[in-house]
């Protein structure tokens, strides 16, 4: 299922503010993003979409 942010398990993003690469572990039914161990879990779909749109997150 595609969500507004368009991320899928295995995608990598760069947090521009921290310069850190993170990998999506899984995307929940509601689009919540669960990151690999180096990121907090359960970031909401809306929050991820907003950060991608604002340029804070970049898909690499």
PDB file of N, CA and C in Angstrom:
ATOM      1  N   UNK A   1       0.841  -1.177   0.000  1.00  0.00           N
ATOM      2  CA  UNK A   1       0.000   0.000   0.000  1.00  0.00           C
ATOM      3  C   UNK A   1       0.888   1.243   0.000  1.00  0.00           C
ATOM      4  N   UNK A   2       0.588   2.191  -0.855  1.00  0.00           N
ATOM      5  CA  UNK A   2       1.348   3.425  -0.941  1.00  0.00           C
ATOM      6  C   UNK A   2       0.754   4.477  -0.003  1.00  0.00           C
ATOM      7  N   UNK A   3       1.623   5.206   0.662  1.00  0.00           N
ATOM      8  CA  UNK A   3       1.199   6.262   1.568  1.00  0.00           C
ATOM      9  C   UNK A   3       1.706   7.588   1.033  1.00  0.00           C
ATOM     10  N   UNK A   4       1.210   8.659   1.606  1.00  0.00           N
ATOM     11  CA  UNK A   4       1.543   9.996   1.126  1.00  0.00           C
ATOM     12  C   UNK A   4       3.048  10.221   1.002  1.00  0.00           C
ATOM     13  N   UNK A   5       3.824   9.659   1.931  1.00  0.00           N
ATOM     14  CA  UNK A   5       5.268   9.869   1.892  1.00  0.00           C
ATOM     15  C   UNK A   5       5.956   8.985   0.864  1.00  0.00           C
ATOM     16  N   UNK A   6       5.332   7.894   0.431  1.00  0.00           N
ATOM     17  CA  UNK A   6       5.880   7.039  -0.614  1.00  0.00           C
ATOM     18  C   UNK A   6       7.031   6.145  -0.189  1.00  0.00           C
ATOM     19  N   UNK A   7       7.355   6.098   1.102  1.00  0.00           N
ATOM     20  CA  UNK A   7       8.461   5.256   1.546  1.00  0.00           C
ATOM     21  C   UNK A   7       8.038   3.802   1.687  1.00  0.00           C
ATOM     22  N   UNK A   8       9.007   2.915   1.501  1.00  0.00           N
ATOM     23  CA  UNK A   8       8.804   1.478   1.666  1.00  0.00           C
ATOM     24  C   UNK A   8       9.973   0.926   2.468  1.00  0.00           C
ATOM     25  N   UNK A   9       9.794  -0.276   3.017  1.00  0.00           N
ATOM     26  CA  UNK A   9      10.876  -0.935   3.751  1.00  0.00           C
ATOM     27  C   UNK A   9      12.121  -1.013   2.870  1.00  0.00           C
ATOM     28  N   UNK A  10      13.252  -0.695   3.463  1.00  0.00           N
ATOM     29  CA  UNK A  10      14.526  -0.731   2.754  1.00  0.00           C
ATOM     30  C   UNK A  10      14.945   0.615   2.185  1.00  0.00           C
ATOM     31  N   UNK A  11      14.019   1.584   2.088  1.00  0.00           N
ATOM     32  CA  UNK A  11      14.384   2.918   1.607  1.00  0.00           C
ATOM     33  C   UNK A  11      15.293   3.589   2.620  1.00  0.00           C
ATOM     34  N   UNK A  12      16.192   4.447   2.125  1.00  0.00           N
ATOM     35  CA  UNK A  12      17.074   5.202   3.002  1.00  0.00           C
ATOM     36  C   UNK A  12      16.752   6.678   2.877  1.00  0.00           C
ATOM     37  N   UNK A  13      16.800   7.377   4.004  1.00  0.00           N
ATOM     38  CA  UNK A  13      16.618   8.823   4.000  1.00  0.00           C
ATOM     39  C   UNK A  13      17.798   9.466   4.707  1.00  0.00           C
ATOM     40  N   UNK A  14      18.025  10.718   4.362  1.00  0.00           N
ATOM     41  CA  UNK A  14      19.044  11.507   5.059  1.00  0.00           C
ATOM     42  C   UNK A  14      18.298  12.607   5.814  1.00  0.00           C
ATOM     43  N   UNK A  15      18.572  12.713   7.113  1.00  0.00           N
ATOM     44  CA  UNK A  15      18.051  13.805   7.924  1.00  0.00           C
ATOM     45  C   UNK A  15      19.016  14.959   7.719  1.00  0.00           C
ATOM     46  N   UNK A  16      18.596  15.963   6.960  1.00  0.00           N
ATOM     47  CA  UNK A  16      19.475  17.067   6.582  1.00  0.00           C
ATOM     48  C   UNK A  16      20.012  17.797   7.818  1.00  0.00           C
ATOM     49  N   UNK A  17      19.183  17.963   8.848  1.00  0.00           N
ATOM     50  CA  UNK A  17      19.606  18.661  10.059  1.00  0.00           C
ATOM     51  C   UNK A  17      20.750  17.984  10.781  1.00  0.00           C
ATOM     52  N   UNK A  18      20.759  16.654  10.757  1.00  0.00           N
ATOM     53  CA  UNK A  18      21.788  15.899  11.463  1.00  0.00           C
ATOM     54  C   UNK A  18      22.793  15.240  10.519  1.00  0.00           C
ATOM     55  N   UNK A  19      22.506  15.253   9.223  1.00  0.00           N
ATOM     56  CA  UNK A  19      23.394  14.628   8.257  1.00  0.00           C
ATOM     57  C   UNK A  19      23.462  13.125   8.408  1.00  0.00           C
ATOM     58  N   UNK A  20      22.414  12.536   8.959  1.00  0.00           N
ATOM     59  CA  UNK A  20      22.406  11.120   9.299  1.00  0.00           C
ATOM     60  C   UNK A  20      21.567  10.317   8.301  1.00  0.00           C
ATOM     61  N   UNK A  21      22.085   9.184   7.854  1.00  0.00           N
ATOM     62  CA  UNK A  21      21.330   8.270   7.002  1.00  0.00           C
ATOM     63  C   UNK A  21      20.581   7.274   7.869  1.00  0.00           C
ATOM     64  N   UNK A  22      19.343   6.987   7.507  1.00  0.00           N
ATOM     65  CA  UNK A  22      18.541   6.004   8.225  1.00  0.00           C
ATOM     66  C   UNK A  22      17.790   5.148   7.220  1.00  0.00           C
ATOM     67  N   UNK A  23      17.540   3.905   7.604  1.00  0.00           N
ATOM     68  CA  UNK A  23      16.845   2.951   6.750  1.00  0.00           C
ATOM     69  C   UNK A  23      15.476   2.643   7.334  1.00  0.00           C
ATOM     70  N   UNK A  24      14.463   2.604   6.459  1.00  0.00           N
ATOM     71  CA  UNK A  24      13.112   2.248   6.877  1.00  0.00           C
ATOM     72  C   UNK A  24      13.075   0.747   7.136  1.00  0.00           C
ATOM     73  N   UNK A  25      12.714   0.360   8.356  1.00  0.00           N
ATOM     74  CA  UNK A  25      12.573  -1.054   8.698  1.00  0.00           C
ATOM     75  C   UNK A  25      11.239  -1.580   8.187  1.00  0.00           C
ATOM     76  N   UNK A  26      10.167  -0.814   8.422  1.00  0.00           N
ATOM     77  CA  UNK A  26       8.854  -1.193   7.908  1.00  0.00           C
ATOM     78  C   UNK A  26       7.942   0.024   7.911  1.00  0.00           C
ATOM     79  N   UNK A  27       6.871  -0.069   7.130  1.00  0.00           N
ATOM     80  CA  UNK A  27       5.835   0.948   7.098  1.00  0.00           C
ATOM     81  C   UNK A  27       4.558   0.282   7.581  1.00  0.00           C
ATOM     82  N   UNK A  28       3.967   0.844   8.639  1.00  0.00           N
ATOM     83  CA  UNK A  28       2.751   0.281   9.221  1.00  0.00           C
ATOM     84  C   UNK A  28       1.529   0.496   8.336  1.00  0.00           C
ATOM     85  N   UNK A  29       0.422  -0.136   8.717  1.00  0.00           N
ATOM     86  CA  UNK A  29      -0.826  -0.045   7.948  1.00  0.00           C
ATOM     87  C   UNK A  29      -1.293   1.384   7.740  1.00  0.00           C
ATOM     88  N   UNK A  30      -1.094   2.227   8.739  1.00  0.00           N
ATOM     89  CA  UNK A  30      -1.522   3.621   8.659  1.00  0.00           C
ATOM     90  C   UNK A  30      -0.437   4.510   8.064  1.00  0.00           C
ATOM     91  N   UNK A  31       0.670   3.924   7.626  1.00  0.00           N
ATOM     92  CA  UNK A  31       1.751   4.691   7.022  1.00  0.00           C
ATOM     93  C   UNK A  31       2.828   5.125   7.990  1.00  0.00           C
ATOM     94  N   UNK A  32       2.681   4.764   9.279  1.00  0.00           N
ATOM     95  CA  UNK A  32       3.721   5.112  10.241  1.00  0.00           C
ATOM     96  C   UNK A  32       5.027   4.449   9.833  1.00  0.00           C
ATOM     97  N   UNK A  33       6.121   5.161  10.016  1.00  0.00           N
ATOM     98  CA  UNK A  33       7.433   4.668   9.601  1.00  0.00           C
ATOM     99  C   UNK A  33       8.195   4.168  10.826  1.00  0.00           C
ATOM    100  N   UNK A  34       8.703   2.952  10.723  1.00  0.00           N
ATOM    101  CA  UNK A  34       9.528   2.348  11.771  1.00  0.00           C
ATOM    102  C   UNK A  34      10.940   2.242  11.221  1.00  0.00           C
ATOM    103  N   UNK A  35      11.870   2.919  11.914  1.00  0.00           N
ATOM    104  CA  UNK A  35      13.250   3.005  11.456  1.00  0.00           C
ATOM    105  C   UNK A  35      14.098   1.874  12.036  1.00  0.00           C
ATOM    106  N   UNK A  36      15.252   1.653  11.406  1.00  0.00           N
ATOM    107  CA  UNK A  36      16.243   0.743  11.976  1.00  0.00           C
ATOM    108  C   UNK A  36      16.639   1.274  13.350  1.00  0.00           C
ATOM    109  N   UNK A  37      17.423   0.535  14.083  1.00  0.00           N
ATOM    110  CA  UNK A  37      17.720   0.818  15.491  1.00  0.00           C
ATOM    111  C   UNK A  37      18.273   2.217  15.766  1.00  0.00           C
ATOM    112  N   UNK A  38      18.835   2.871  14.758  1.00  0.00           N
ATOM    113  CA  UNK A  38      19.447   4.177  15.024  1.00  0.00           C
ATOM    114  C   UNK A  38      18.440   5.333  15.005  1.00  0.00           C
ATOM    115  N   UNK A  39      17.160   5.039  14.832  1.00  0.00           N
ATOM    116  CA  UNK A  39      16.122   6.075  14.829  1.00  0.00           C
ATOM    117  C   UNK A  39      15.010   5.680  15.784  1.00  0.00           C
ATOM    118  N   UNK A  40      14.267   6.675  16.268  1.00  0.00           N
ATOM    119  CA  UNK A  40      13.108   6.378  17.107  1.00  0.00           C
ATOM    120  C   UNK A  40      12.058   5.646  16.275  1.00  0.00           C
ATOM    121  N   UNK A  41      11.230   4.866  16.910  1.00  0.00           N
ATOM    122  CA  UNK A  41      10.194   4.114  16.218  1.00  0.00           C
ATOM    123  C   UNK A  41       8.901   4.905  16.131  1.00  0.00           C
ATOM    124  N   UNK A  42       8.092   4.532  15.183  1.00  0.00           N
ATOM    125  CA  UNK A  42       6.725   4.998  15.095  1.00  0.00           C
ATOM    126  C   UNK A  42       6.532   6.447  14.715  1.00  0.00           C
ATOM    127  N   UNK A  43       7.338   6.960  13.826  1.00  0.00           N
ATOM    128  CA  UNK A  43       7.130   8.324  13.344  1.00  0.00           C
ATOM    129  C   UNK A  43       5.900   8.319  12.444  1.00  0.00           C
ATOM    130  N   UNK A  44       4.969   9.228  12.676  1.00  0.00           N
ATOM    131  CA  UNK A  44       3.702   9.199  11.942  1.00  0.00           C
ATOM    132  C   UNK A  44       3.890   9.494  10.459  1.00  0.00           C
ATOM    133  N   UNK A  45       2.978   8.962   9.662  1.00  0.00           N
ATOM    134  CA  UNK A  45       3.008   9.172   8.215  1.00  0.00           C
ATOM    135  C   UNK A  45       2.973  10.661   7.892  1.00  0.00           C
ATOM    136  N   UNK A  46       2.122  11.416   8.580  1.00  0.00           N
ATOM    137  CA  UNK A  46       2.012  12.857   8.323  1.00  0.00           C
ATOM    138  C   UNK A  46       3.307  13.588   8.659  1.00  0.00           C
ATOM    139  N   UNK A  47       3.943  13.192   9.745  1.00  0.00           N
ATOM    140  CA  UNK A  47       5.197  13.824  10.159  1.00  0.00           C
ATOM    141  C   UNK A  47       6.298  13.557   9.129  1.00  0.00           C
ATOM    142  N   UNK A  48       6.398  12.334   8.664  1.00  0.00           N
ATOM    143  CA  UNK A  48       7.411  11.988   7.666  1.00  0.00           C
ATOM    144  C   UNK A  48       7.142  12.737   6.369  1.00  0.00           C
ATOM    145  N   UNK A  49       5.885  12.764   5.925  1.00  0.00           N
ATOM    146  CA  UNK A  49       5.534  13.470   4.685  1.00  0.00           C
ATOM    147  C   UNK A  49       5.881  14.956   4.793  1.00  0.00           C
ATOM    148  N   UNK A  50       5.582  15.568   5.935  1.00  0.00           N
ATOM    149  CA  UNK A  50       5.886  16.988   6.132  1.00  0.00           C
ATOM    150  C   UNK A  50       7.384  17.246   6.094  1.00  0.00           C
ATOM    151  N   UNK A  51       8.157  16.359   6.699  1.00  0.00           N
ATOM    152  CA  UNK A  51       9.613  16.539   6.706  1.00  0.00           C
ATOM    153  C   UNK A  51      10.214  16.331   5.317  1.00  0.00           C
ATOM    154  N   UNK A  52       9.660  15.420   4.544  1.00  0.00           N
ATOM    155  CA  UNK A  52      10.122  15.243   3.162  1.00  0.00           C
ATOM    156  C   UNK A  52       9.771  16.481   2.336  1.00  0.00           C
ATOM    157  N   UNK A  53       8.552  16.973   2.488  1.00  0.00           N
ATOM    158  CA  UNK A  53       8.098  18.135   1.720  1.00  0.00           C
ATOM    159  C   UNK A  53       8.904  19.386   2.060  1.00  0.00           C
ATOM    160  N   UNK A  54       9.255  19.554   3.332  1.00  0.00           N
ATOM    161  CA  UNK A  54       9.993  20.744   3.760  1.00  0.00           C
ATOM    162  C   UNK A  54      11.478  20.673   3.410  1.00  0.00           C
ATOM    163  N   UNK A  55      11.939  19.486   3.038  1.00  0.00           N
ATOM    164  CA  UNK A  55      13.353  19.319   2.698  1.00  0.00           C
ATOM    165  C   UNK A  55      14.208  18.880   3.870  1.00  0.00           C
ATOM    166  N   UNK A  56      13.602  18.682   5.033  1.00  0.00           N
ATOM    167  CA  UNK A  56      14.377  18.197   6.193  1.00  0.00           C
ATOM    168  C   UNK A  56      14.855  16.774   5.952  1.00  0.00           C
ATOM    169  N   UNK A  57      14.003  15.948   5.349  1.00  0.00           N
ATOM    170  CA  UNK A  57      14.385  14.584   4.973  1.00  0.00           C
ATOM    171  C   UNK A  57      14.560  14.523   3.466  1.00  0.00           C
ATOM    172  N   UNK A  58      15.524  13.732   3.053  1.00  0.00           N
ATOM    173  CA  UNK A  58      15.785  13.524   1.630  1.00  0.00           C
ATOM    174  C   UNK A  58      15.915  12.030   1.383  1.00  0.00           C
ATOM    175  N   UNK A  59      15.185  11.525   0.381  1.00  0.00           N
ATOM    176  CA  UNK A  59      15.313  10.111   0.016  1.00  0.00           C
ATOM    177  C   UNK A  59      16.591   9.966  -0.798  1.00  0.00           C
ATOM    178  N   UNK A  60      17.426   9.008  -0.382  1.00  0.00           N
ATOM    179  CA  UNK A  60      18.705   8.808  -1.097  1.00  0.00           C
ATOM    180  C   UNK A  60      18.694   7.506  -1.854  1.00  0.00           C
TER     181      UNK A  60
END
